[in-house]
Amino acid sequence: MEEKKIRNKRIRNTIVFALILVLVLKTVSWLLVWSDNSTNILQNHCGPAIALEKKDTVDVVAMGNSNFYCSIDPTRVWEQQGIPMYIWGAPSHRIYEIQHDLKTLFKKQSPKVVFIEASCLMRDKSTNAWNQKVKADVASVFQIVANHRNINNFELGRDSYWSFTERCKSKGYYLKTGTKAYKGKDWMKPTKQEAEIPDVAKKALENCIKICNDNGAEVVLLSIPSPNDWSAKRYNAVSKLAEELNVELLDLNCHMDEIGLSWDKDTCDQGHHMNFRGAEKISTYIGNYLAENKKLTDHRGEAAYAGWDKDCLEYAQARDDRLRALGKIK
């Protein structure tokens, strides 16, 4: 009898410990996510902050990695086309994480178009792809796994910049002001070879497409000009997959002349990411593409979108003031 009491007590203590541990992990995970929603208007590019936007007001969402959030400025798309667009990006984001993010996205928003960063399909070789998928699955429950980079936000005093209620005025864009030219080779030199896309990544993309289609959204695979993240081999592989899955591929690496990109002036780190000049050109191109091809409504001036008018104007003023102070624009 005494042994049974001891055993039951151990079980009870184990359950209590597990529950406390889960509660702590969930709380820290939540704080890590929202600690990135900074009150500093030029530093804040928090993707999950889309949850603070009014329900069903975002018509276009771009989900991917730093290629997206450094290259597409939704405030310019709004200014030029009146299309409410948001960037949900994270460093080295993978298709498995995007799959989970989409489930969260559609709880509050009903975008008509979802851009998915094509290079997110090929961040890993097949041997490591399953490990990354498992990591993404765990991170969907305990975000601390994916947001450990934000631990620096827990430094003494930095919590004063956190916001749990303030909208991200940049709508997910991150301003890059530096300039370092790309002097490398032509990464889009034609070839018949194809890059490898792991089967688990293909399946994750299929799931993403189904989630979007079930919620009335069109998927467009989008590749930002990048000599480091893209190649003709990757284009061949993704183009073939897009055809198989009946989705559009918009490869901006094939439209650089139309965009007017200069690899001497429009990149901040030798081709890894766009700076403000490159982002302005790409944002204009994306806005024109959406207006001409996707039949989206111009919401400028509508009462329901007064917050977008206010946020985008405020961000544009802060962005341009910063660029003027650096002597980048007049």
C-alpha atoms as a PDB file:
ATOM      1  CA  MET A   1       0.000   0.000   0.000  1.00  0.00           C
ATOM      2  CA  GLU A   2       2.790   2.370   0.955  1.00  0.00           C
ATOM      3  CA  GLU A   3       4.658   1.571  -2.264  1.00  0.00           C
ATOM      4  CA  LYS A   4       1.549   2.390  -4.303  1.00  0.00           C
ATOM      5  CA  LYS A   5       1.255   5.793  -2.583  1.00  0.00           C
ATOM      6  CA  ILE A   6       4.896   6.544  -3.330  1.00  0.00           C
ATOM      7  CA  ARG A   7       4.468   5.487  -6.963  1.00  0.00           C
ATOM      8  CA  ASN A   8       1.331   7.618  -7.361  1.00  0.00           C
ATOM      9  CA  LYS A   9       3.091  10.590  -5.806  1.00  0.00           C
ATOM     10  CA  ARG A  10       5.997  10.229  -8.246  1.00  0.00           C
ATOM     11  CA  ILE A  11       3.597  10.056 -11.181  1.00  0.00           C
ATOM     12  CA  ARG A  12       1.726  13.109  -9.900  1.00  0.00           C
ATOM     13  CA  ASN A  13       4.953  15.058  -9.416  1.00  0.00           C
ATOM     14  CA  THR A  14       6.148  14.099 -12.892  1.00  0.00           C
ATOM     15  CA  ILE A  15       2.900  15.299 -14.448  1.00  0.00           C
ATOM     16  CA  VAL A  16       3.014  18.577 -12.506  1.00  0.00           C
ATOM     17  CA  PHE A  17       6.646  19.129 -13.536  1.00  0.00           C
ATOM     18  CA  ALA A  18       5.810  18.411 -17.192  1.00  0.00           C
ATOM     19  CA  LEU A  19       2.881  20.833 -17.116  1.00  0.00           C
ATOM     20  CA  ILE A  20       5.015  23.569 -15.556  1.00  0.00           C
ATOM     21  CA  LEU A  21       7.766  22.952 -18.101  1.00  0.00           C
ATOM     22  CA  VAL A  22       5.288  23.193 -20.993  1.00  0.00           C
ATOM     23  CA  LEU A  23       3.833  26.402 -19.537  1.00  0.00           C
ATOM     24  CA  VAL A  24       7.297  27.945 -19.180  1.00  0.00           C
ATOM     25  CA  LEU A  25       8.324  26.940 -22.709  1.00  0.00           C
ATOM     26  CA  LYS A  26       5.075  28.288 -24.182  1.00  0.00           C
ATOM     27  CA  THR A  27       5.429  31.572 -22.292  1.00  0.00           C
ATOM     28  CA  VAL A  28       9.061  32.081 -23.281  1.00  0.00           C
ATOM     29  CA  SER A  29       8.205  31.138 -26.876  1.00  0.00           C
ATOM     30  CA  TRP A  30       5.415  33.735 -26.957  1.00  0.00           C
ATOM     31  CA  LEU A  31       7.716  36.396 -25.532  1.00  0.00           C
ATOM     32  CA  LEU A  32      10.463  35.565 -28.041  1.00  0.00           C
ATOM     33  CA  VAL A  33       8.039  36.009 -30.942  1.00  0.00           C
ATOM     34  CA  TRP A  34       6.602  39.302 -29.746  1.00  0.00           C
ATOM     35  CA  SER A  35       9.893  40.734 -28.502  1.00  0.00           C
ATOM     36  CA  ASP A  36      10.664  41.181 -32.201  1.00  0.00           C
ATOM     37  CA  ASN A  37       7.695  43.535 -32.628  1.00  0.00           C
ATOM     38  CA  SER A  38       9.740  46.631 -31.865  1.00  0.00           C
ATOM     39  CA  THR A  39       8.461  50.165 -31.293  1.00  0.00           C
ATOM     40  CA  ASN A  40      11.442  51.273 -33.419  1.00  0.00           C
ATOM     41  CA  ILE A  41       9.651  51.872 -36.708  1.00  0.00           C
ATOM     42  CA  LEU A  42      12.706  51.229 -38.915  1.00  0.00           C
ATOM     43  CA  GLN A  43      13.868  48.123 -37.049  1.00  0.00           C
ATOM     44  CA  ASN A  44      10.506  46.380 -36.827  1.00  0.00           C
ATOM     45  CA  HIS A  45       9.866  43.834 -39.580  1.00  0.00           C
ATOM     46  CA  CYS A  46       7.998  41.314 -37.443  1.00  0.00           C
ATOM     47  CA  GLY A  47       6.134  38.809 -39.612  1.00  0.00           C
ATOM     48  CA  PRO A  48       3.836  37.418 -36.899  1.00  0.00           C
ATOM     49  CA  ALA A  49       2.683  40.990 -36.188  1.00  0.00           C
ATOM     50  CA  ILE A  50       0.292  40.502 -39.108  1.00  0.00           C
ATOM     51  CA  ALA A  51      -1.971  39.170 -36.338  1.00  0.00           C
ATOM     52  CA  LEU A  52      -2.445  42.794 -35.236  1.00  0.00           C
ATOM     53  CA  GLU A  53      -3.896  43.843 -38.581  1.00  0.00           C
ATOM     54  CA  LYS A  54      -7.676  44.213 -38.825  1.00  0.00           C
ATOM     55  CA  LYS A  55      -9.385  40.966 -39.825  1.00  0.00           C
ATOM     56  CA  ASP A  56      -9.534  40.245 -43.562  1.00  0.00           C
ATOM     57  CA  THR A  57      -7.745  43.412 -44.657  1.00  0.00           C
ATOM     58  CA  VAL A  58      -4.539  41.941 -46.127  1.00  0.00           C
ATOM     59  CA  ASP A  59      -4.962  40.990 -49.794  1.00  0.00           C
ATOM     60  CA  VAL A  60      -1.417  39.777 -50.521  1.00  0.00           C
ATOM     61  CA  VAL A  61       1.051  37.975 -48.250  1.00  0.00           C
ATOM     62  CA  ALA A  62       4.643  37.098 -49.157  1.00  0.00           C
ATOM     63  CA  MET A  63       6.084  34.262 -47.078  1.00  0.00           C
ATOM     64  CA  GLY A  64       9.774  33.477 -47.218  1.00  0.00           C
ATOM     65  CA  ASN A  65      13.212  34.414 -45.986  1.00  0.00           C
ATOM     66  CA  SER A  66      15.349  37.558 -45.852  1.00  0.00           C
ATOM     67  CA  ASN A  67      15.233  37.813 -49.641  1.00  0.00           C
ATOM     68  CA  PHE A  68      11.606  38.844 -49.249  1.00  0.00           C
ATOM     69  CA  TYR A  69      11.783  41.182 -46.289  1.00  0.00           C
ATOM     70  CA  CYS A  70      14.831  43.014 -47.679  1.00  0.00           C
ATOM     71  CA  SER A  71      13.473  43.281 -51.234  1.00  0.00           C
ATOM     72  CA  ILE A  72       9.756  44.059 -51.065  1.00  0.00           C
ATOM     73  CA  ASP A  73       8.496  47.227 -49.386  1.00  0.00           C
ATOM     74  CA  PRO A  74       4.698  46.871 -49.012  1.00  0.00           C
ATOM     75  CA  THR A  75       4.358  50.563 -48.154  1.00  0.00           C
ATOM     76  CA  ARG A  76       5.490  51.389 -51.698  1.00  0.00           C
ATOM     77  CA  VAL A  77       3.027  48.856 -53.136  1.00  0.00           C
ATOM     78  CA  TRP A  78       0.305  50.559 -51.088  1.00  0.00           C
ATOM     79  CA  GLU A  79       1.414  54.045 -52.106  1.00  0.00           C
ATOM     80  CA  GLN A  80       1.470  53.169 -55.815  1.00  0.00           C
ATOM     81  CA  GLN A  81      -1.358  50.633 -56.159  1.00  0.00           C
ATOM     82  CA  GLY A  82      -3.423  50.729 -52.962  1.00  0.00           C
ATOM     83  CA  ILE A  83      -2.918  46.980 -52.483  1.00  0.00           C
ATOM     84  CA  PRO A  84      -2.570  45.905 -48.823  1.00  0.00           C
ATOM     85  CA  MET A  85       0.427  43.570 -48.760  1.00  0.00           C
ATOM     86  CA  TYR A  86       2.398  42.076 -45.875  1.00  0.00           C
ATOM     87  CA  ILE A  87       5.774  40.290 -45.711  1.00  0.00           C
ATOM     88  CA  TRP A  88       5.975  37.343 -43.329  1.00  0.00           C
ATOM     89  CA  GLY A  89       9.650  36.480 -43.443  1.00  0.00           C
ATOM     90  CA  ALA A  90      12.338  35.079 -41.186  1.00  0.00           C
ATOM     91  CA  PRO A  91      16.064  34.376 -41.647  1.00  0.00           C
ATOM     92  CA  SER A  92      16.699  31.093 -43.479  1.00  0.00           C
ATOM     93  CA  HIS A  93      12.975  30.296 -43.499  1.00  0.00           C
ATOM     94  CA  ARG A  94      12.080  26.923 -44.974  1.00  0.00           C
ATOM     95  CA  ILE A  95       8.989  25.582 -46.682  1.00  0.00           C
ATOM     96  CA  TYR A  96       8.131  23.441 -43.636  1.00  0.00           C
ATOM     97  CA  GLU A  97       7.895  26.542 -41.437  1.00  0.00           C
ATOM     98  CA  ILE A  98       5.823  28.345 -44.066  1.00  0.00           C
ATOM     99  CA  GLN A  99       3.339  25.459 -44.017  1.00  0.00           C
ATOM    100  CA  HIS A 100       2.712  26.037 -40.303  1.00  0.00           C
ATOM    101  CA  ASP A 101       2.672  29.831 -40.703  1.00  0.00           C
ATOM    102  CA  LEU A 102      -0.061  29.540 -43.336  1.00  0.00           C
ATOM    103  CA  LYS A 103      -2.338  27.738 -40.890  1.00  0.00           C
ATOM    104  CA  THR A 104      -1.905  30.665 -38.499  1.00  0.00           C
ATOM    105  CA  LEU A 105      -2.331  33.248 -41.248  1.00  0.00           C
ATOM    106  CA  PHE A 106      -5.756  32.055 -42.396  1.00  0.00           C
ATOM    107  CA  LYS A 107      -7.193  32.207 -38.881  1.00  0.00           C
ATOM    108  CA  LYS A 108      -7.498  35.986 -39.266  1.00  0.00           C
ATOM    109  CA  GLN A 109      -6.686  36.968 -42.851  1.00  0.00           C
ATOM    110  CA  SER A 110      -8.087  35.954 -46.245  1.00  0.00           C
ATOM    111  CA  PRO A 111      -5.472  37.002 -48.796  1.00  0.00           C
ATOM    112  CA  LYS A 112      -6.229  36.616 -52.486  1.00  0.00           C
ATOM    113  CA  VAL A 113      -2.580  35.963 -53.385  1.00  0.00           C
ATOM    114  CA  VAL A 114       0.163  34.238 -51.400  1.00  0.00           C
ATOM    115  CA  PHE A 115       3.741  34.525 -52.653  1.00  0.00           C
ATOM    116  CA  ILE A 116       6.018  31.701 -51.491  1.00  0.00           C
ATOM    117  CA  GLU A 117       9.777  32.164 -51.752  1.00  0.00           C
ATOM    118  CA  ALA A 118      10.954  29.517 -54.225  1.00  0.00           C
ATOM    119  CA  SER A 119      14.417  29.177 -52.711  1.00  0.00           C
ATOM    120  CA  CYS A 120      12.848  27.987 -49.432  1.00  0.00           C
ATOM    121  CA  LEU A 121      12.374  24.636 -51.155  1.00  0.00           C
ATOM    122  CA  MET A 122      16.092  24.064 -51.493  1.00  0.00           C
ATOM    123  CA  ARG A 123      17.774  25.278 -48.340  1.00  0.00           C
ATOM    124  CA  ASP A 124      18.724  21.706 -47.418  1.00  0.00           C
ATOM    125  CA  LYS A 125      20.001  18.571 -49.078  1.00  0.00           C
ATOM    126  CA  SER A 126      17.745  15.531 -48.851  1.00  0.00           C
ATOM    127  CA  THR A 127      19.892  14.092 -46.054  1.00  0.00           C
ATOM    128  CA  ASN A 128      19.072  17.058 -43.793  1.00  0.00           C
ATOM    129  CA  ALA A 129      15.598  17.945 -45.034  1.00  0.00           C
ATOM    130  CA  TRP A 130      13.768  15.597 -42.682  1.00  0.00           C
ATOM    131  CA  ASN A 131      15.676  16.993 -39.697  1.00  0.00           C
ATOM    132  CA  GLN A 132      14.547  20.495 -40.664  1.00  0.00           C
ATOM    133  CA  LYS A 133      10.954  19.356 -41.099  1.00  0.00           C
ATOM    134  CA  VAL A 134      10.916  17.800 -37.627  1.00  0.00           C
ATOM    135  CA  LYS A 135      12.440  20.978 -36.222  1.00  0.00           C
ATOM    136  CA  ALA A 136       9.711  23.043 -37.912  1.00  0.00           C
ATOM    137  CA  ASP A 137       7.003  20.736 -36.537  1.00  0.00           C
ATOM    138  CA  VAL A 138       8.349  21.122 -33.004  1.00  0.00           C
ATOM    139  CA  ALA A 139       8.732  24.886 -33.486  1.00  0.00           C
ATOM    140  CA  SER A 140       5.067  25.154 -34.438  1.00  0.00           C
ATOM    141  CA  VAL A 141       4.289  24.169 -30.824  1.00  0.00           C
ATOM    142  CA  PHE A 142       7.300  25.655 -29.046  1.00  0.00           C
ATOM    143  CA  GLN A 143       8.386  28.694 -31.046  1.00  0.00           C
ATOM    144  CA  ILE A 144      11.538  28.989 -28.948  1.00  0.00           C
ATOM    145  CA  VAL A 145      13.060  26.408 -31.312  1.00  0.00           C
ATOM    146  CA  ALA A 146      12.777  28.747 -34.313  1.00  0.00           C
ATOM    147  CA  ASN A 147      13.046  32.108 -32.542  1.00  0.00           C
ATOM    148  CA  HIS A 148      16.112  31.537 -30.379  1.00  0.00           C
ATOM    149  CA  ARG A 149      17.859  34.336 -32.320  1.00  0.00           C
ATOM    150  CA  ASN A 150      15.575  36.776 -30.529  1.00  0.00           C
ATOM    151  CA  ILE A 151      17.111  35.903 -27.169  1.00  0.00           C
ATOM    152  CA  ASN A 152      19.162  39.116 -27.460  1.00  0.00           C
ATOM    153  CA  ASN A 153      15.895  41.011 -27.061  1.00  0.00           C
ATOM    154  CA  PHE A 154      15.883  39.803 -23.449  1.00  0.00           C
ATOM    155  CA  GLU A 155      18.918  41.937 -22.600  1.00  0.00           C
ATOM    156  CA  LEU A 156      18.363  44.401 -19.774  1.00  0.00           C
ATOM    157  CA  GLY A 157      16.481  47.478 -20.986  1.00  0.00           C
ATOM    158  CA  ARG A 158      15.555  46.161 -24.434  1.00  0.00           C
ATOM    159  CA  ASP A 159      12.107  45.134 -23.243  1.00  0.00           C
ATOM    160  CA  SER A 160      11.200  48.832 -23.361  1.00  0.00           C
ATOM    161  CA  TYR A 161      11.077  48.455 -27.172  1.00  0.00           C
ATOM    162  CA  TRP A 162       8.683  45.507 -27.134  1.00  0.00           C
ATOM    163  CA  SER A 163       5.088  45.980 -28.223  1.00  0.00           C
ATOM    164  CA  PHE A 164       2.239  43.511 -28.030  1.00  0.00           C
ATOM    165  CA  THR A 165      -0.344  45.849 -29.551  1.00  0.00           C
ATOM    166  CA  GLU A 166       1.372  48.190 -32.025  1.00  0.00           C
ATOM    167  CA  ARG A 167       1.090  47.323 -35.708  1.00  0.00           C
ATOM    168  CA  CYS A 168       4.253  46.852 -37.739  1.00  0.00           C
ATOM    169  CA  LYS A 169       4.291  50.056 -39.820  1.00  0.00           C
ATOM    170  CA  SER A 170       6.710  48.622 -42.407  1.00  0.00           C
ATOM    171  CA  LYS A 171       4.332  45.702 -43.019  1.00  0.00           C
ATOM    172  CA  GLY A 172       7.277  43.320 -42.712  1.00  0.00           C
ATOM    173  CA  TYR A 173       9.918  45.165 -44.767  1.00  0.00           C
ATOM    174  CA  TYR A 174      13.445  45.739 -43.424  1.00  0.00           C
ATOM    175  CA  LEU A 175      15.334  48.760 -44.716  1.00  0.00           C
ATOM    176  CA  LYS A 176      18.928  48.191 -45.861  1.00  0.00           C
ATOM    177  CA  THR A 177      20.879  51.389 -46.506  1.00  0.00           C
ATOM    178  CA  GLY A 178      24.390  50.192 -47.409  1.00  0.00           C
ATOM    179  CA  THR A 179      25.895  49.496 -50.828  1.00  0.00           C
ATOM    180  CA  LYS A 180      28.314  46.714 -51.737  1.00  0.00           C
ATOM    181  CA  ALA A 181      28.395  45.754 -55.403  1.00  0.00           C
ATOM    182  CA  TYR A 182      28.119  42.238 -56.770  1.00  0.00           C
ATOM    183  CA  LYS A 183      31.052  41.453 -59.089  1.00  0.00           C
ATOM    184  CA  GLY A 184      30.564  37.716 -59.533  1.00  0.00           C
ATOM    185  CA  LYS A 185      29.628  35.544 -62.492  1.00  0.00           C
ATOM    186  CA  ASP A 186      26.307  35.173 -64.287  1.00  0.00           C
ATOM    187  CA  TRP A 187      24.269  32.779 -62.128  1.00  0.00           C
ATOM    188  CA  MET A 188      21.531  32.442 -64.749  1.00  0.00           C
ATOM    189  CA  LYS A 189      23.716  31.051 -67.527  1.00  0.00           C
ATOM    190  CA  PRO A 190      21.474  28.559 -69.392  1.00  0.00           C
ATOM    191  CA  THR A 191      21.861  24.882 -68.582  1.00  0.00           C
ATOM    192  CA  LYS A 192      19.776  21.723 -68.880  1.00  0.00           C
ATOM    193  CA  GLN A 193      20.770  20.549 -65.406  1.00  0.00           C
ATOM    194  CA  GLU A 194      18.331  20.716 -62.477  1.00  0.00           C
ATOM    195  CA  ALA A 195      18.934  21.370 -58.809  1.00  0.00           C
ATOM    196  CA  GLU A 196      17.711  18.856 -56.244  1.00  0.00           C
ATOM    197  CA  ILE A 197      14.430  19.515 -54.442  1.00  0.00           C
ATOM    198  CA  PRO A 198      13.970  17.063 -51.545  1.00  0.00           C
ATOM    199  CA  ASP A 199      10.791  14.995 -51.704  1.00  0.00           C
ATOM    200  CA  VAL A 200       9.781  16.174 -48.236  1.00  0.00           C
ATOM    201  CA  ALA A 201      10.034  19.773 -49.448  1.00  0.00           C
ATOM    202  CA  LYS A 202       7.874  18.991 -52.477  1.00  0.00           C
ATOM    203  CA  LYS A 203       5.257  17.457 -50.195  1.00  0.00           C
ATOM    204  CA  ALA A 204       5.350  20.500 -47.910  1.00  0.00           C
ATOM    205  CA  LEU A 205       4.777  22.758 -50.916  1.00  0.00           C
ATOM    206  CA  GLU A 206       1.824  20.614 -51.986  1.00  0.00           C
ATOM    207  CA  ASN A 207       0.409  21.055 -48.474  1.00  0.00           C
ATOM    208  CA  CYS A 208       0.946  24.817 -48.665  1.00  0.00           C
ATOM    209  CA  ILE A 209      -0.890  24.990 -51.974  1.00  0.00           C
ATOM    210  CA  LYS A 210      -3.797  22.966 -50.591  1.00  0.00           C
ATOM    211  CA  ILE A 211      -4.063  25.183 -47.501  1.00  0.00           C
ATOM    212  CA  CYS A 212      -4.129  28.275 -49.685  1.00  0.00           C
ATOM    213  CA  ASN A 213      -6.574  26.876 -52.235  1.00  0.00           C
ATOM    214  CA  ASP A 214      -8.910  25.649 -49.487  1.00  0.00           C
ATOM    215  CA  ASN A 215      -8.985  29.222 -48.186  1.00  0.00           C
ATOM    216  CA  GLY A 216      -9.503  30.858 -51.573  1.00  0.00           C
ATOM    217  CA  ALA A 217      -5.947  32.089 -52.118  1.00  0.00           C
ATOM    218  CA  GLU A 218      -3.808  31.706 -55.223  1.00  0.00           C
ATOM    219  CA  VAL A 219      -0.197  30.584 -54.741  1.00  0.00           C
ATOM    220  CA  VAL A 220       2.577  32.200 -56.763  1.00  0.00           C
ATOM    221  CA  LEU A 221       6.126  30.916 -56.365  1.00  0.00           C
ATOM    222  CA  LEU A 222       8.355  33.987 -56.355  1.00  0.00           C
ATOM    223  CA  SER A 223      12.126  34.188 -56.704  1.00  0.00           C
ATOM    224  CA  ILE A 224      13.910  37.432 -55.855  1.00  0.00           C
ATOM    225  CA  PRO A 225      17.046  38.285 -57.881  1.00  0.00           C
ATOM    226  CA  SER A 226      19.892  36.680 -55.955  1.00  0.00           C
ATOM    227  CA  PRO A 227      23.182  35.272 -57.218  1.00  0.00           C
ATOM    228  CA  ASN A 228      23.621  33.521 -53.864  1.00  0.00           C
ATOM    229  CA  ASP A 229      20.222  31.856 -53.451  1.00  0.00           C
ATOM    230  CA  TRP A 230      19.300  31.165 -57.069  1.00  0.00           C
ATOM    231  CA  SER A 231      20.671  29.694 -60.299  1.00  0.00           C
ATOM    232  CA  ALA A 232      19.586  28.406 -63.688  1.00  0.00           C
ATOM    233  CA  LYS A 233      19.631  24.883 -62.196  1.00  0.00           C
ATOM    234  CA  ARG A 234      17.220  25.966 -59.490  1.00  0.00           C
ATOM    235  CA  TYR A 235      15.019  27.706 -62.015  1.00  0.00           C
ATOM    236  CA  ASN A 236      14.810  24.527 -64.095  1.00  0.00           C
ATOM    237  CA  ALA A 237      13.847  22.407 -61.087  1.00  0.00           C
ATOM    238  CA  VAL A 238      11.267  24.815 -59.668  1.00  0.00           C
ATOM    239  CA  SER A 239       9.801  25.611 -63.094  1.00  0.00           C
ATOM    240  CA  LYS A 240       9.222  21.904 -63.691  1.00  0.00           C
ATOM    241  CA  LEU A 241       7.677  21.438 -60.238  1.00  0.00           C
ATOM    242  CA  ALA A 242       5.440  24.496 -60.651  1.00  0.00           C
ATOM    243  CA  GLU A 243       4.112  23.063 -63.900  1.00  0.00           C
ATOM    244  CA  GLU A 244       3.432  19.707 -62.226  1.00  0.00           C
ATOM    245  CA  LEU A 245       1.551  21.396 -59.376  1.00  0.00           C
ATOM    246  CA  ASN A 246      -0.249  23.861 -61.655  1.00  0.00           C
ATOM    247  CA  VAL A 247       1.032  27.002 -59.925  1.00  0.00           C
ATOM    248  CA  GLU A 248       2.688  30.087 -61.359  1.00  0.00           C
ATOM    249  CA  LEU A 249       6.412  30.761 -61.022  1.00  0.00           C
ATOM    250  CA  LEU A 250       7.418  34.410 -61.120  1.00  0.00           C
ATOM    251  CA  ASP A 251      11.209  34.403 -61.372  1.00  0.00           C
ATOM    252  CA  LEU A 252      12.478  37.966 -61.132  1.00  0.00           C
ATOM    253  CA  ASN A 253      15.961  36.724 -62.025  1.00  0.00           C
ATOM    254  CA  CYS A 254      14.539  36.509 -65.557  1.00  0.00           C
ATOM    255  CA  HIS A 255      13.202  40.087 -65.455  1.00  0.00           C
ATOM    256  CA  MET A 256      16.154  42.063 -64.150  1.00  0.00           C
ATOM    257  CA  ASP A 257      16.369  44.307 -67.214  1.00  0.00           C
ATOM    258  CA  GLU A 258      12.681  45.175 -66.917  1.00  0.00           C
ATOM    259  CA  ILE A 259      13.134  45.908 -63.225  1.00  0.00           C
ATOM    260  CA  GLY A 260      16.205  48.009 -63.974  1.00  0.00           C
ATOM    261  CA  LEU A 261      18.467  46.466 -61.339  1.00  0.00           C
ATOM    262  CA  SER A 262      22.055  47.601 -61.016  1.00  0.00           C
ATOM    263  CA  TRP A 263      24.377  45.167 -59.279  1.00  0.00           C
ATOM    264  CA  ASP A 264      26.768  48.034 -58.641  1.00  0.00           C
ATOM    265  CA  LYS A 265      24.243  50.112 -56.700  1.00  0.00           C
ATOM    266  CA  ASP A 266      21.222  48.032 -55.664  1.00  0.00           C
ATOM    267  CA  THR A 267      22.670  45.424 -53.302  1.00  0.00           C
ATOM    268  CA  CYS A 268      23.909  46.002 -49.755  1.00  0.00           C
ATOM    269  CA  ASP A 269      26.134  42.935 -49.323  1.00  0.00           C
ATOM    270  CA  GLN A 270      27.573  41.805 -52.644  1.00  0.00           C
ATOM    271  CA  GLY A 271      24.403  40.224 -53.960  1.00  0.00           C
ATOM    272  CA  HIS A 272      22.964  38.559 -50.884  1.00  0.00           C
ATOM    273  CA  HIS A 273      20.218  41.139 -50.326  1.00  0.00           C
ATOM    274  CA  MET A 274      18.744  44.237 -51.933  1.00  0.00           C
ATOM    275  CA  ASN A 275      19.338  47.665 -50.446  1.00  0.00           C
ATOM    276  CA  PHE A 276      16.734  50.443 -50.482  1.00  0.00           C
ATOM    277  CA  ARG A 277      17.326  51.166 -54.183  1.00  0.00           C
ATOM    278  CA  GLY A 278      16.845  47.555 -55.228  1.00  0.00           C
ATOM    279  CA  ALA A 279      13.824  47.205 -52.938  1.00  0.00           C
ATOM    280  CA  GLU A 280      12.171  50.255 -54.473  1.00  0.00           C
ATOM    281  CA  LYS A 281      12.570  48.841 -57.980  1.00  0.00           C
ATOM    282  CA  ILE A 282      11.397  45.352 -57.050  1.00  0.00           C
ATOM    283  CA  SER A 283       8.439  46.702 -55.051  1.00  0.00           C
ATOM    284  CA  THR A 284       7.335  48.804 -58.016  1.00  0.00           C
ATOM    285  CA  TYR A 285       7.591  45.771 -60.301  1.00  0.00           C
ATOM    286  CA  ILE A 286       5.636  43.564 -57.867  1.00  0.00           C
ATOM    287  CA  GLY A 287       2.964  46.230 -57.450  1.00  0.00           C
ATOM    288  CA  ASN A 288       2.532  46.587 -61.210  1.00  0.00           C
ATOM    289  CA  TYR A 289       2.416  42.800 -61.613  1.00  0.00           C
ATOM    290  CA  LEU A 290      -0.337  42.494 -58.993  1.00  0.00           C
ATOM    291  CA  ALA A 291      -2.366  45.380 -60.421  1.00  0.00           C
ATOM    292  CA  GLU A 292      -2.153  44.080 -63.978  1.00  0.00           C
ATOM    293  CA  ASN A 293      -2.589  40.349 -63.366  1.00  0.00           C
ATOM    294  CA  LYS A 294      -4.525  39.684 -60.165  1.00  0.00           C
ATOM    295  CA  LYS A 295      -7.537  42.053 -60.295  1.00  0.00           C
ATOM    296  CA  LEU A 296      -6.996  43.367 -56.770  1.00  0.00           C
ATOM    297  CA  THR A 297      -8.908  46.329 -55.359  1.00  0.00           C
ATOM    298  CA  ASP A 298      -7.289  49.717 -54.741  1.00  0.00           C
ATOM    299  CA  HIS A 299      -8.246  50.383 -51.105  1.00  0.00           C
ATOM    300  CA  ARG A 300      -6.629  53.798 -50.685  1.00  0.00           C
ATOM    301  CA  GLY A 301      -8.971  56.262 -49.028  1.00  0.00           C
ATOM    302  CA  GLU A 302     -11.441  53.632 -47.828  1.00  0.00           C
ATOM    303  CA  ALA A 303     -12.547  54.038 -44.223  1.00  0.00           C
ATOM    304  CA  ALA A 304     -11.775  50.391 -43.404  1.00  0.00           C
ATOM    305  CA  TYR A 305      -8.186  50.971 -44.534  1.00  0.00           C
ATOM    306  CA  ALA A 306      -7.520  54.263 -42.759  1.00  0.00           C
ATOM    307  CA  GLY A 307      -4.934  52.432 -40.650  1.00  0.00           C
ATOM    308  CA  TRP A 308      -3.058  51.420 -43.787  1.00  0.00           C
ATOM    309  CA  ASP A 309      -3.046  54.997 -45.082  1.00  0.00           C
ATOM    310  CA  LYS A 310      -1.694  56.182 -41.721  1.00  0.00           C
ATOM    311  CA  ASP A 311       0.870  53.402 -41.158  1.00  0.00           C
ATOM    312  CA  CYS A 312       2.334  53.495 -44.669  1.00  0.00           C
ATOM    313  CA  LEU A 313       2.627  57.281 -44.676  1.00  0.00           C
ATOM    314  CA  GLU A 314       4.299  57.241 -41.261  1.00  0.00           C
ATOM    315  CA  TYR A 315       6.749  54.539 -42.315  1.00  0.00           C
ATOM    316  CA  ALA A 316       7.558  56.210 -45.638  1.00  0.00           C
ATOM    317  CA  GLN A 317       8.353  59.455 -43.832  1.00  0.00           C
ATOM    318  CA  ALA A 318      10.617  57.691 -41.324  1.00  0.00           C
ATOM    319  CA  ARG A 319      12.339  55.707 -44.091  1.00  0.00           C
ATOM    320  CA  ASP A 320      12.966  58.759 -46.274  1.00  0.00           C
ATOM    321  CA  ASP A 321      14.096  60.882 -43.313  1.00  0.00           C
ATOM    322  CA  ARG A 322      16.675  58.204 -42.506  1.00  0.00           C
ATOM    323  CA  LEU A 323      17.879  58.039 -46.109  1.00  0.00           C
ATOM    324  CA  ARG A 324      18.170  61.832 -46.311  1.00  0.00           C
ATOM    325  CA  ALA A 325      20.132  61.928 -43.065  1.00  0.00           C
ATOM    326  CA  LEU A 326      22.580  59.437 -44.608  1.00  0.00           C
ATOM    327  CA  GLY A 327      22.800  61.454 -47.806  1.00  0.00           C
ATOM    328  CA  LYS A 328      21.286  58.616 -49.835  1.00  0.00           C
ATOM    329  CA  ILE A 329      18.422  60.686 -51.265  1.00  0.00           C
ATOM    330  CA  LYS A 330      17.633  64.396 -51.559  1.00  0.00           C
END
